[in-house]
N, C-alpha and C. Protein backbone atom coordinates (compact mmCIF):
# COMPACT_ATOMS: atom_id res chain seq x y z
N UNK A 1 0.73 -1.27 0.04
CA UNK A 1 0.00 -0.07 -0.04
C UNK A 1 0.80 1.29 -0.20
N UNK A 2 0.58 2.08 -0.84
CA UNK A 2 1.33 3.43 -1.11
C UNK A 2 0.79 4.52 -0.13
N UNK A 3 1.65 5.15 0.66
CA UNK A 3 1.21 6.22 1.35
C UNK A 3 1.28 7.54 0.68
N UNK A 4 0.16 8.37 0.61
CA UNK A 4 0.21 9.55 -0.19
C UNK A 4 0.06 10.50 1.03
N UNK A 5 1.00 11.54 0.67
CA UNK A 5 0.88 12.86 1.65
C UNK A 5 -0.33 13.45 1.42
N UNK A 6 -1.10 14.03 2.27
CA UNK A 6 -2.37 14.82 1.83
C UNK A 6 -2.01 16.12 1.66
N UNK A 7 -1.05 16.84 1.95
CA UNK A 7 -0.69 18.20 1.36
C UNK A 7 -0.37 18.03 -0.22
N UNK A 8 0.12 16.97 -0.65
CA UNK A 8 0.43 16.93 -2.04
C UNK A 8 -0.83 16.60 -2.61
N UNK A 9 -1.59 15.71 -2.20
CA UNK A 9 -2.91 15.17 -2.93
C UNK A 9 -3.69 16.43 -3.06
N UNK A 10 -3.89 17.30 -2.05
CA UNK A 10 -4.75 18.21 -1.91
C UNK A 10 -4.31 19.25 -2.91
N UNK A 11 -3.16 19.70 -3.03
CA UNK A 11 -2.55 20.43 -3.96
C UNK A 11 -2.86 19.95 -5.34
N UNK A 12 -2.71 18.76 -5.53
CA UNK A 12 -2.84 18.28 -6.87
C UNK A 12 -4.37 18.06 -7.28
N UNK A 13 -5.23 17.86 -6.37
CA UNK A 13 -6.43 17.84 -6.67
C UNK A 13 -7.13 19.25 -7.14
N UNK A 14 -6.69 20.33 -6.18
CA UNK A 14 -7.04 21.64 -6.48
C UNK A 14 -6.58 22.20 -7.50
N UNK A 15 -5.14 21.76 -8.10
CA UNK A 15 -4.63 22.60 -9.15
C UNK A 15 -4.96 22.09 -10.59
N UNK A 16 -5.39 20.80 -10.67
CA UNK A 16 -5.95 20.26 -12.01
C UNK A 16 -7.14 19.54 -11.91
N UNK A 17 -7.84 19.17 -13.06
CA UNK A 17 -9.01 18.60 -13.13
C UNK A 17 -8.76 17.19 -13.14
N UNK A 18 -8.86 16.65 -11.86
CA UNK A 18 -8.59 15.09 -11.69
C UNK A 18 -9.76 14.32 -12.18
N UNK A 19 -10.94 14.83 -12.00
CA UNK A 19 -12.16 14.27 -12.44
C UNK A 19 -12.17 14.15 -13.98
N UNK A 20 -11.79 15.13 -14.45
CA UNK A 20 -11.78 15.23 -15.95
C UNK A 20 -10.96 14.27 -16.74
N UNK A 21 -9.66 14.10 -15.96
CA UNK A 21 -8.48 13.30 -16.42
C UNK A 21 -9.06 11.96 -16.31
N UNK A 22 -9.87 11.65 -15.09
CA UNK A 22 -10.10 9.98 -14.79
C UNK A 22 -11.37 9.69 -15.90
N UNK A 23 -12.01 10.68 -16.25
CA UNK A 23 -13.27 10.27 -17.14
C UNK A 23 -12.99 9.31 -18.42
N UNK A 24 -11.71 9.39 -18.84
CA UNK A 24 -11.35 8.54 -19.99
C UNK A 24 -11.50 7.23 -19.49
N UNK A 25 -11.08 7.04 -18.10
CA UNK A 25 -11.04 5.60 -17.66
C UNK A 25 -12.83 5.17 -17.62
N UNK A 26 -13.29 5.87 -16.59
CA UNK A 26 -14.78 5.47 -16.04
C UNK A 26 -15.28 6.65 -15.22
N UNK A 27 -16.45 6.88 -15.34
CA UNK A 27 -17.12 7.98 -14.51
C UNK A 27 -17.41 7.60 -13.15
N UNK A 28 -16.44 7.02 -12.28
CA UNK A 28 -16.58 6.63 -11.05
C UNK A 28 -15.50 7.09 -10.12
N UNK A 29 -15.80 7.09 -8.95
CA UNK A 29 -14.86 7.59 -7.92
C UNK A 29 -13.75 6.71 -7.79
N UNK A 30 -13.82 5.53 -8.18
CA UNK A 30 -12.72 4.82 -8.19
C UNK A 30 -11.66 5.00 -9.20
N UNK A 31 -12.14 5.35 -10.30
CA UNK A 31 -11.27 5.96 -11.33
C UNK A 31 -10.41 7.16 -11.01
N UNK A 32 -11.31 8.07 -10.19
CA UNK A 32 -10.59 9.42 -9.80
C UNK A 32 -9.44 9.01 -8.76
N UNK A 33 -9.66 8.14 -7.82
CA UNK A 33 -8.68 7.65 -7.08
C UNK A 33 -7.67 7.02 -7.87
N UNK A 34 -7.65 6.39 -8.83
CA UNK A 34 -6.50 5.84 -9.55
C UNK A 34 -5.96 6.92 -10.32
N UNK A 35 -6.32 7.89 -10.73
CA UNK A 35 -5.77 8.99 -11.30
C UNK A 35 -5.04 9.88 -10.24
N UNK A 36 -5.68 9.98 -9.03
CA UNK A 36 -4.89 10.72 -8.00
C UNK A 36 -3.51 9.89 -7.84
N UNK A 37 -3.73 8.63 -7.45
CA UNK A 37 -2.64 7.57 -7.35
C UNK A 37 -1.48 7.88 -8.31
N UNK A 38 -1.85 7.77 -9.97
CA UNK A 38 -1.06 7.71 -10.79
C UNK A 38 -0.40 9.11 -11.07
N UNK A 39 -0.90 10.49 -10.70
CA UNK A 39 -0.49 11.62 -10.67
C UNK A 39 0.55 12.03 -9.59
N UNK A 40 0.37 11.25 -8.42
CA UNK A 40 1.05 11.54 -7.09
C UNK A 40 2.57 11.78 -7.44
N UNK A 41 3.13 10.97 -8.05
CA UNK A 41 4.75 11.13 -8.05
C UNK A 41 5.15 12.60 -8.72
N UNK A 42 4.34 12.87 -9.80
CA UNK A 42 4.64 14.32 -10.49
C UNK A 42 4.32 15.33 -9.54
N UNK A 43 3.01 15.17 -8.92
CA UNK A 43 2.55 16.29 -8.00
C UNK A 43 3.58 16.38 -6.85
N UNK A 44 4.08 15.34 -6.29
CA UNK A 44 5.03 15.33 -5.24
C UNK A 44 6.38 15.99 -5.59
N UNK A 45 6.65 15.67 -6.75
CA UNK A 45 8.04 16.35 -7.46
C UNK A 45 7.89 17.82 -7.52
N UNK A 46 6.71 18.33 -7.87
CA UNK A 46 6.45 19.61 -8.03
C UNK A 46 6.12 20.37 -6.83
N UNK A 47 6.11 19.93 -5.74
CA UNK A 47 5.65 20.50 -4.40
C UNK A 47 6.75 21.29 -3.70
N UNK A 48 6.80 22.50 -3.45
CA UNK A 48 7.74 23.20 -2.69
C UNK A 48 8.05 22.70 -1.35
N UNK A 49 9.05 22.90 -0.69
CA UNK A 49 9.29 22.38 0.64
C UNK A 49 8.51 23.28 1.53
N UNK A 50 7.90 22.87 2.62
CA UNK A 50 6.81 23.62 3.56
C UNK A 50 7.44 23.45 4.77
N UNK A 51 7.37 24.50 5.73
CA UNK A 51 7.67 24.45 7.07
C UNK A 51 6.50 24.58 8.09
N UNK A 52 6.59 23.64 8.92
CA UNK A 52 5.65 23.50 9.72
C UNK A 52 5.45 24.51 10.84
N UNK A 53 4.24 25.18 11.11
CA UNK A 53 4.45 26.09 12.07
C UNK A 53 4.18 25.24 13.54
N UNK A 54 3.88 26.07 14.63
CA UNK A 54 3.86 25.67 15.77
C UNK A 54 2.37 25.20 16.01
N UNK A 55 1.36 26.11 15.59
CA UNK A 55 -0.16 25.66 15.67
C UNK A 55 -0.59 25.81 14.07
N UNK A 56 -1.23 24.89 13.67
CA UNK A 56 -1.86 24.79 12.26
C UNK A 56 -3.25 24.45 12.40
N UNK A 57 -4.09 25.31 11.71
CA UNK A 57 -5.45 25.17 11.62
C UNK A 57 -5.94 25.43 10.26
N UNK A 58 -6.43 24.25 9.56
CA UNK A 58 -6.63 24.20 8.06
C UNK A 58 -7.81 23.55 7.76
N UNK A 59 -9.08 24.32 8.21
CA UNK A 59 -10.41 23.76 8.23
C UNK A 59 -10.66 23.76 6.60
N UNK A 60 -10.55 24.92 6.03
CA UNK A 60 -11.07 25.13 4.61
C UNK A 60 -10.24 24.27 3.75
N UNK A 61 -8.89 24.34 4.11
CA UNK A 61 -8.15 23.21 3.09
C UNK A 61 -8.20 21.77 3.40
N UNK A 62 -8.90 21.56 4.47
CA UNK A 62 -9.34 19.82 4.67
C UNK A 62 -10.65 19.48 4.05
N UNK A 63 -11.11 20.53 3.14
CA UNK A 63 -12.50 20.09 2.43
C UNK A 63 -12.21 19.75 1.08
N UNK A 64 -11.05 19.51 0.77
CA UNK A 64 -10.67 19.29 -0.87
C UNK A 64 -11.34 18.01 -1.35
N UNK A 65 -11.53 16.92 -0.47
CA UNK A 65 -12.23 15.96 -1.21
C UNK A 65 -13.63 16.18 -1.95
N UNK A 66 -14.45 17.10 -1.42
CA UNK A 66 -15.67 17.63 -1.86
C UNK A 66 -15.54 17.85 -3.24
N UNK A 67 -14.40 18.32 -3.77
CA UNK A 67 -14.52 18.72 -5.18
C UNK A 67 -14.55 17.59 -5.82
N UNK A 68 -13.96 16.53 -5.53
CA UNK A 68 -14.28 15.36 -6.44
C UNK A 68 -15.54 14.47 -6.19
N UNK A 69 -15.92 14.47 -4.96
CA UNK A 69 -17.31 13.79 -4.43
C UNK A 69 -18.45 14.55 -5.10
N UNK A 70 -18.37 15.76 -5.10
CA UNK A 70 -19.53 16.57 -5.63
C UNK A 70 -19.42 16.90 -7.03
N UNK A 71 -18.58 16.35 -7.75
CA UNK A 71 -18.62 16.58 -9.20
C UNK A 71 -19.63 15.84 -9.96
N UNK A 72 -20.49 16.58 -10.59
CA UNK A 72 -21.61 15.94 -11.43
C UNK A 72 -21.20 15.02 -12.58
N UNK A 73 -19.97 15.12 -12.89
CA UNK A 73 -19.58 14.20 -14.01
C UNK A 73 -19.43 12.77 -13.70
N UNK A 74 -19.34 12.61 -12.32
CA UNK A 74 -19.18 11.16 -11.70
C UNK A 74 -20.63 10.71 -11.64
N UNK A 75 -20.86 9.24 -12.06
CA UNK A 75 -22.17 8.88 -11.90
C UNK A 75 -22.26 7.56 -11.10
N UNK A 76 -21.19 7.25 -10.47
CA UNK A 76 -21.32 5.89 -9.81
C UNK A 76 -22.27 6.07 -8.68
N UNK A 77 -22.61 4.79 -8.15
CA UNK A 77 -23.49 4.74 -6.97
C UNK A 77 -22.97 5.60 -5.76
N UNK A 78 -21.77 5.27 -5.24
CA UNK A 78 -21.17 5.95 -4.19
C UNK A 78 -21.21 7.58 -4.25
N UNK A 79 -20.66 7.73 -5.53
CA UNK A 79 -20.68 9.36 -5.59
C UNK A 79 -21.98 10.00 -5.64
N UNK A 80 -23.14 9.32 -6.21
CA UNK A 80 -24.48 9.83 -6.31
C UNK A 80 -25.01 9.80 -4.90
N UNK A 81 -24.78 8.70 -4.16
CA UNK A 81 -25.43 8.57 -2.66
C UNK A 81 -24.72 9.82 -1.89
N UNK A 82 -23.24 10.15 -2.07
CA UNK A 82 -22.82 11.21 -1.44
C UNK A 82 -23.35 12.35 -1.50
N UNK A 83 -23.48 12.67 -2.89
CA UNK A 83 -24.26 13.99 -3.34
C UNK A 83 -25.55 14.17 -2.91
N UNK A 84 -26.41 13.19 -2.83
CA UNK A 84 -27.74 13.19 -2.46
C UNK A 84 -27.84 13.51 -0.77
N UNK A 85 -26.86 12.85 -0.16
CA UNK A 85 -26.88 13.17 1.44
C UNK A 85 -26.31 14.42 1.63
N UNK A 86 -25.45 14.93 0.75
CA UNK A 86 -24.91 16.33 1.11
C UNK A 86 -25.91 17.21 0.65
N UNK A 87 -26.72 17.07 -0.41
CA UNK A 87 -27.90 18.08 -0.65
C UNK A 87 -28.73 18.06 0.34
N UNK A 88 -29.19 17.05 0.85
CA UNK A 88 -30.07 16.96 1.90
C UNK A 88 -29.61 17.58 3.21
N UNK A 89 -28.48 17.40 3.47
CA UNK A 89 -27.73 18.08 4.74
C UNK A 89 -27.66 19.51 4.31
N UNK A 90 -27.41 20.11 3.12
CA UNK A 90 -27.35 21.53 2.85
C UNK A 90 -28.89 21.84 3.01
N UNK A 91 -29.76 21.35 2.51
CA UNK A 91 -31.30 21.90 2.67
C UNK A 91 -31.46 22.11 4.10
N UNK A 92 -31.12 21.01 4.80
CA UNK A 92 -31.64 21.28 6.40
C UNK A 92 -30.76 22.50 6.98
N UNK A 93 -29.53 22.50 6.53
CA UNK A 93 -28.64 23.61 7.21
C UNK A 93 -29.42 24.99 6.60
N UNK A 94 -29.82 25.07 5.45
CA UNK A 94 -30.51 26.32 4.88
C UNK A 94 -31.76 26.54 5.57
N UNK A 95 -32.37 25.71 5.80
CA UNK A 95 -33.67 25.86 6.74
C UNK A 95 -33.32 26.50 8.23
N UNK A 96 -32.35 25.97 8.65
CA UNK A 96 -31.87 26.44 10.07
C UNK A 96 -31.48 27.93 9.92
N UNK A 97 -30.56 28.03 8.95
CA UNK A 97 -30.25 29.43 8.57
C UNK A 97 -31.21 30.51 8.44
N UNK A 98 -32.21 30.14 7.59
CA UNK A 98 -33.30 31.06 7.17
C UNK A 98 -34.13 31.24 8.31
N UNK A 99 -34.48 30.36 9.03
CA UNK A 99 -35.27 30.48 10.29
C UNK A 99 -34.51 31.41 11.66
N UNK A 100 -33.06 31.16 11.70
CA UNK A 100 -32.40 31.84 12.48
C UNK A 100 -32.50 33.32 11.88
N UNK A 101 -32.12 33.72 10.69
CA UNK A 101 -32.21 34.91 10.12
C UNK A 101 -33.73 35.78 10.33
N UNK A 102 -34.61 34.97 10.17
CA UNK A 102 -36.02 35.42 10.36
C UNK A 102 -36.37 35.72 11.73
N UNK A 103 -35.86 34.96 12.68
CA UNK A 103 -36.10 35.36 14.16
C UNK A 103 -35.14 36.50 14.44
N UNK A 104 -34.22 36.71 14.15
CA UNK A 104 -33.09 37.99 14.42
C UNK A 104 -33.84 39.08 13.81
N UNK A 105 -34.23 38.90 12.57
CA UNK A 105 -34.89 40.11 11.81
C UNK A 105 -36.08 40.55 12.59
N UNK A 106 -37.13 39.61 12.79
CA UNK A 106 -38.42 39.70 13.62
C UNK A 106 -38.16 40.46 14.75
N UNK A 107 -37.13 39.86 15.66
CA UNK A 107 -36.88 40.64 16.96
C UNK A 107 -36.35 42.08 16.67
N UNK A 108 -35.48 42.24 15.87
CA UNK A 108 -34.96 43.58 15.77
C UNK A 108 -35.98 44.62 15.13
N UNK A 109 -36.57 44.16 14.26
CA UNK A 109 -37.31 45.29 13.45
C UNK A 109 -38.77 45.19 14.29
N UNK A 110 -39.50 44.15 14.34
CA UNK A 110 -40.85 44.29 14.84
C UNK A 110 -41.08 44.54 16.44
N UNK A 111 -40.16 43.84 17.25
CA UNK A 111 -40.27 43.86 18.46
C UNK A 111 -39.40 44.98 19.15
N UNK A 112 -38.02 45.23 18.78
CA UNK A 112 -37.16 46.10 19.26
C UNK A 112 -37.68 47.62 18.68
N UNK A 113 -37.35 47.63 17.38
CA UNK A 113 -37.70 48.95 16.88
C UNK A 113 -38.99 49.42 16.47
N UNK A 114 -39.94 48.60 16.15
CA UNK A 114 -41.30 49.26 16.01
C UNK A 114 -42.06 49.24 17.41
N UNK A 115 -42.10 48.04 17.94
CA UNK A 115 -43.14 47.94 19.28
C UNK A 115 -42.30 48.59 20.51
N UNK A 116 -40.99 48.49 20.80
CA UNK A 116 -40.62 48.93 21.89
C UNK A 116 -40.03 50.39 21.75
N UNK A 117 -39.38 50.62 20.71
CA UNK A 117 -38.76 52.01 20.43
C UNK A 117 -39.82 52.93 19.84
N UNK A 118 -40.35 52.67 18.88
CA UNK A 118 -41.52 53.51 18.19
C UNK A 118 -42.67 53.72 19.09
N UNK A 119 -43.36 52.57 19.65
CA UNK A 119 -44.51 52.77 19.98
C UNK A 119 -44.53 53.14 21.53
N UNK A 120 -43.51 52.40 22.32
CA UNK A 120 -43.53 52.67 23.75
C UNK A 120 -42.35 53.55 24.15
N UNK A 121 -41.54 54.04 23.24
CA UNK A 121 -40.64 55.25 23.43
C UNK A 121 -39.23 54.54 24.06
N UNK A 122 -39.03 53.42 24.10
CA UNK A 122 -37.84 52.80 24.60
C UNK A 122 -36.73 52.85 23.76
N UNK A 123 -36.00 53.93 23.73
CA UNK A 123 -34.96 54.31 22.79
C UNK A 123 -33.76 53.31 23.09
N UNK A 124 -33.58 52.92 24.20
CA UNK A 124 -32.58 51.95 24.46
C UNK A 124 -32.46 50.63 23.79
N UNK A 125 -33.76 50.25 23.17
CA UNK A 125 -33.76 49.01 22.39
C UNK A 125 -33.36 49.26 21.22
N UNK A 126 -33.08 50.32 20.51
CA UNK A 126 -32.39 50.55 19.30
C UNK A 126 -31.00 49.86 19.22
N UNK A 127 -30.32 49.98 20.26
CA UNK A 127 -28.96 49.48 20.25
C UNK A 127 -29.11 47.95 20.18
N UNK A 128 -30.14 47.03 20.95
CA UNK A 128 -30.28 45.93 20.91
C UNK A 128 -30.64 45.39 19.33
N UNK A 129 -31.63 46.44 18.84
CA UNK A 129 -31.80 46.01 17.45
C UNK A 129 -30.66 46.12 16.32
N UNK A 130 -29.76 46.89 16.50
CA UNK A 130 -28.51 47.16 15.88
C UNK A 130 -27.73 45.75 15.99
N UNK A 131 -27.62 45.11 17.04
CA UNK A 131 -26.83 44.14 17.50
C UNK A 131 -27.50 42.85 16.82
N UNK A 132 -28.84 42.84 16.75
CA UNK A 132 -29.64 41.62 16.28
C UNK A 132 -29.35 41.81 14.63
N UNK A 133 -29.62 43.03 14.14
CA UNK A 133 -29.25 43.25 12.52
C UNK A 133 -27.96 42.52 12.10
N UNK A 134 -26.94 43.12 12.97
CA UNK A 134 -25.57 42.66 12.59
C UNK A 134 -25.75 41.13 12.58
N UNK A 135 -26.12 40.71 13.63
CA UNK A 135 -26.18 39.03 13.53
C UNK A 135 -26.73 38.47 12.39
N UNK A 136 -28.08 39.01 12.03
CA UNK A 136 -28.75 38.72 10.96
C UNK A 136 -27.96 38.98 9.75
N UNK A 137 -27.15 39.99 9.56
CA UNK A 137 -26.28 40.02 8.59
C UNK A 137 -25.07 38.98 8.49
N UNK A 138 -24.78 38.61 9.61
CA UNK A 138 -23.71 37.55 9.65
C UNK A 138 -24.21 36.20 9.08
N UNK A 139 -25.55 35.98 9.42
CA UNK A 139 -26.18 34.64 8.96
C UNK A 139 -26.36 34.87 7.35
N UNK A 140 -26.74 36.01 6.93
CA UNK A 140 -26.70 35.99 5.59
C UNK A 140 -25.50 35.80 4.87
N UNK A 141 -24.31 36.11 5.43
CA UNK A 141 -23.14 36.01 4.89
C UNK A 141 -22.55 34.51 4.97
N UNK A 142 -23.21 34.01 5.93
CA UNK A 142 -22.99 32.43 6.18
C UNK A 142 -23.52 31.86 5.04
N UNK A 143 -24.87 32.23 4.88
CA UNK A 143 -25.87 31.45 3.96
C UNK A 143 -25.05 31.69 2.36
N UNK A 144 -24.52 32.87 2.10
CA UNK A 144 -23.84 33.29 0.86
C UNK A 144 -22.57 32.27 0.70
N UNK A 145 -21.93 32.23 1.81
CA UNK A 145 -20.49 31.41 1.81
C UNK A 145 -20.91 30.09 1.52
N UNK A 146 -21.95 29.42 2.26
CA UNK A 146 -22.32 27.87 2.24
C UNK A 146 -23.07 27.61 0.88
N UNK A 147 -23.75 28.52 0.38
CA UNK A 147 -24.56 28.06 -0.86
C UNK A 147 -23.83 28.46 -2.27
N UNK A 148 -23.10 29.64 -2.17
CA UNK A 148 -22.73 30.16 -3.46
C UNK A 148 -21.72 29.21 -4.30
N UNK A 149 -20.88 28.31 -3.66
CA UNK A 149 -20.08 27.52 -4.32
C UNK A 149 -20.82 26.25 -4.94
N UNK A 150 -21.94 25.87 -4.14
CA UNK A 150 -22.83 24.71 -4.78
C UNK A 150 -23.63 25.28 -5.84
N UNK A 151 -24.14 26.56 -5.72
CA UNK A 151 -24.94 27.02 -6.77
C UNK A 151 -24.22 27.27 -7.96
N UNK A 152 -22.99 27.83 -7.72
CA UNK A 152 -22.15 28.09 -8.96
C UNK A 152 -21.62 27.02 -9.67
N UNK A 153 -21.43 25.77 -8.82
CA UNK A 153 -21.05 24.64 -9.46
C UNK A 153 -22.16 23.85 -10.27
N UNK A 154 -23.35 23.97 -9.75
CA UNK A 154 -24.58 23.41 -10.35
C UNK A 154 -24.82 24.27 -11.67
N UNK A 155 -24.73 25.44 -11.49
CA UNK A 155 -24.90 26.29 -12.90
C UNK A 155 -23.94 26.12 -13.94
N UNK A 156 -22.60 25.91 -13.51
CA UNK A 156 -21.57 25.55 -14.43
C UNK A 156 -21.86 24.14 -15.09
N UNK A 157 -22.35 23.22 -14.36
CA UNK A 157 -22.76 22.12 -14.92
C UNK A 157 -23.73 22.11 -15.84
N UNK A 158 -24.89 22.98 -15.69
CA UNK A 158 -26.08 23.15 -16.41
C UNK A 158 -25.53 23.70 -17.75
N UNK A 159 -24.81 24.80 -17.63
CA UNK A 159 -24.09 25.36 -18.76
C UNK A 159 -23.38 24.37 -19.68
N UNK A 160 -22.54 23.54 -19.13
CA UNK A 160 -21.89 22.60 -19.89
C UNK A 160 -22.73 21.60 -20.51
N UNK A 161 -23.85 21.16 -19.77
CA UNK A 161 -24.80 20.23 -20.65
C UNK A 161 -25.78 20.96 -21.64
N UNK A 162 -26.07 22.20 -21.47
CA UNK A 162 -26.62 23.03 -22.51
C UNK A 162 -25.86 23.13 -23.73
N UNK A 163 -24.49 23.59 -23.46
CA UNK A 163 -23.53 23.71 -24.73
C UNK A 163 -23.59 22.62 -25.25
N UNK A 164 -23.28 21.36 -24.71
CA UNK A 164 -23.34 19.94 -25.19
C UNK A 164 -24.41 19.62 -26.07
N UNK A 165 -25.59 20.02 -25.78
CA UNK A 165 -27.08 19.75 -26.21
C UNK A 165 -27.06 20.53 -27.63
N UNK A 166 -26.59 21.71 -27.44
CA UNK A 166 -26.81 22.70 -28.60
C UNK A 166 -25.71 22.83 -29.51
N UNK A 167 -24.52 22.19 -29.29
CA UNK A 167 -23.30 22.23 -30.19
C UNK A 167 -23.77 21.47 -31.37
N UNK A 168 -23.27 21.87 -32.48
CA UNK A 168 -23.52 20.97 -33.74
C UNK A 168 -22.74 19.74 -33.61
N UNK A 169 -23.29 18.43 -33.88
CA UNK A 169 -22.88 17.33 -33.87
C UNK A 169 -22.06 16.69 -35.30
N UNK A 170 -20.87 16.37 -35.02
CA UNK A 170 -20.05 16.11 -36.14
C UNK A 170 -20.23 14.54 -36.33
N UNK A 171 -20.35 14.09 -37.51
CA UNK A 171 -20.21 12.64 -37.83
C UNK A 171 -19.09 12.08 -38.37
């Protein structure tokens, strides 16, 4: 069994279209794994030496396998089931985020600003509304960061399918 350094594999997967290169073999995650293993020596040779720091935190960098597993060009059962579960999880997260946003917004605008500050004259509640609206803006940012890559990837796949369907076929 060959040991593969995760930093090398991550850099390789993020720097080239591993899935596209593996499609010549078969549209499956196993073919992608074989392509990663095949390209590993070249990727390792091209890696600059890295110095390890005392504390390392690479959460975003650890999500590189999703680029392969969520690629719509793969049609095997394992990848399709992962994509389905990911979309179910993402839908649940979106519902929670929208609910939290609505609660922050309702508390800030309807209760603190309208009911307390405007109707009852409690101007101190305006500061609470500002804090709640800042939190609501943070939730919107989190929704944007969470959904934009998925929506952009899905749109990219649809554009490729549309181009393939409308391009003149050569016989």
